[in-house]
Amino acid sequence: MFGIGTQEILFIVLVVLLFFGGKKIPELMKGLGKGIRSFKDGMNGMENESETGHKDTQKQ
């Protein structure tokens, strides 16, 4: 996986845990999940707009 081994991943997790603490990490992940969901919804909205745009131009 991109040249990152198990030891590197464990080190990164340990550093994140030290910086943010155990109580803050679930809040960060929740915010990250909401951001990803919002991004996907926006992308789906753009796809729907482009599909309806193509249909409208084809009818004319």
C-alpha atoms as a PDB file:
ATOM      1  CA  MET A   1       0.000   0.000   0.000  1.00  0.00           C
ATOM      2  CA  PHE A   2       2.011   2.973  -1.303  1.00  0.00           C
ATOM      3  CA  GLY A   3       5.192   1.646   0.303  1.00  0.00           C
ATOM      4  CA  ILE A   4       3.818   2.121   3.828  1.00  0.00           C
ATOM      5  CA  GLY A   5       4.317  -0.846   6.095  1.00  0.00           C
ATOM      6  CA  THR A   6       2.638  -1.919   9.296  1.00  0.00           C
ATOM      7  CA  GLN A   7       5.225  -0.221  11.491  1.00  0.00           C
ATOM      8  CA  GLU A   8       4.725   3.115   9.748  1.00  0.00           C
ATOM      9  CA  ILE A   9       0.948   2.905  10.093  1.00  0.00           C
ATOM     10  CA  LEU A  10       1.242   2.082  13.799  1.00  0.00           C
ATOM     11  CA  PHE A  11       3.619   5.020  14.279  1.00  0.00           C
ATOM     12  CA  ILE A  12       1.206   7.395  12.546  1.00  0.00           C
ATOM     13  CA  VAL A  13      -1.710   6.154  14.659  1.00  0.00           C
ATOM     14  CA  LEU A  14       0.362   6.591  17.821  1.00  0.00           C
ATOM     15  CA  VAL A  15       1.319  10.161  16.887  1.00  0.00           C
ATOM     16  CA  VAL A  16      -2.306  11.067  16.087  1.00  0.00           C
ATOM     17  CA  LEU A  17      -3.403   9.558  19.394  1.00  0.00           C
ATOM     18  CA  LEU A  18      -0.792  11.585  21.268  1.00  0.00           C
ATOM     19  CA  PHE A  19      -1.740  14.841  19.514  1.00  0.00           C
ATOM     20  CA  PHE A  20      -5.515  14.598  19.799  1.00  0.00           C
ATOM     21  CA  GLY A  21      -6.170  12.185  22.656  1.00  0.00           C
ATOM     22  CA  GLY A  22      -8.574   9.276  22.769  1.00  0.00           C
ATOM     23  CA  LYS A  23     -11.705  11.383  23.264  1.00  0.00           C
ATOM     24  CA  LYS A  24     -11.127  13.706  20.327  1.00  0.00           C
ATOM     25  CA  ILE A  25     -10.502  11.050  17.651  1.00  0.00           C
ATOM     26  CA  PRO A  26     -14.158   9.878  17.331  1.00  0.00           C
ATOM     27  CA  GLU A  27     -15.218  13.499  16.846  1.00  0.00           C
ATOM     28  CA  LEU A  28     -12.600  13.951  14.121  1.00  0.00           C
ATOM     29  CA  MET A  29     -13.711  10.788  12.339  1.00  0.00           C
ATOM     30  CA  LYS A  30     -17.351  11.860  12.567  1.00  0.00           C
ATOM     31  CA  GLY A  31     -16.489  15.201  10.965  1.00  0.00           C
ATOM     32  CA  LEU A  32     -14.458  13.463   8.275  1.00  0.00           C
ATOM     33  CA  GLY A  33     -17.381  11.139   7.514  1.00  0.00           C
ATOM     34  CA  LYS A  34     -19.777  14.073   7.203  1.00  0.00           C
ATOM     35  CA  GLY A  35     -17.364  15.827   4.869  1.00  0.00           C
ATOM     36  CA  ILE A  36     -17.014  12.777   2.635  1.00  0.00           C
ATOM     37  CA  ARG A  37     -20.796  12.277   2.580  1.00  0.00           C
ATOM     38  CA  SER A  38     -21.316  15.932   1.637  1.00  0.00           C
ATOM     39  CA  PHE A  39     -18.731  15.645  -1.141  1.00  0.00           C
ATOM     40  CA  LYS A  40     -20.412  12.528  -2.553  1.00  0.00           C
ATOM     41  CA  ASP A  41     -23.832  14.211  -2.426  1.00  0.00           C
ATOM     42  CA  GLY A  42     -22.408  17.193  -4.289  1.00  0.00           C
ATOM     43  CA  MET A  43     -20.877  14.962  -6.930  1.00  0.00           C
ATOM     44  CA  ASN A  44     -24.169  13.097  -7.367  1.00  0.00           C
ATOM     45  CA  GLY A  45     -25.960  16.437  -7.695  1.00  0.00           C
ATOM     46  CA  MET A  46     -23.566  17.511 -10.430  1.00  0.00           C
ATOM     47  CA  GLU A  47     -24.120  14.228 -12.276  1.00  0.00           C
ATOM     48  CA  ASN A  48     -27.897  14.651 -12.035  1.00  0.00           C
ATOM     49  CA  GLU A  49     -27.668  18.217 -13.348  1.00  0.00           C
ATOM     50  CA  SER A  50     -25.525  17.145 -16.278  1.00  0.00           C
ATOM     51  CA  GLU A  51     -27.913  14.289 -17.119  1.00  0.00           C
ATOM     52  CA  THR A  52     -30.953  16.559 -17.052  1.00  0.00           C
ATOM     53  CA  GLY A  53     -29.047  19.129 -19.104  1.00  0.00           C
ATOM     54  CA  HIS A  54     -28.384  16.548 -21.785  1.00  0.00           C
ATOM     55  CA  LYS A  55     -32.026  15.458 -21.807  1.00  0.00           C
ATOM     56  CA  ASP A  56     -33.237  19.056 -22.108  1.00  0.00           C
ATOM     57  CA  THR A  57     -30.955  19.779 -25.053  1.00  0.00           C
ATOM     58  CA  GLN A  58     -31.962  16.564 -26.794  1.00  0.00           C
ATOM     59  CA  LYS A  59     -35.679  17.423 -26.623  1.00  0.00           C
ATOM     60  CA  GLN A  60     -35.237  20.706 -28.491  1.00  0.00           C
END
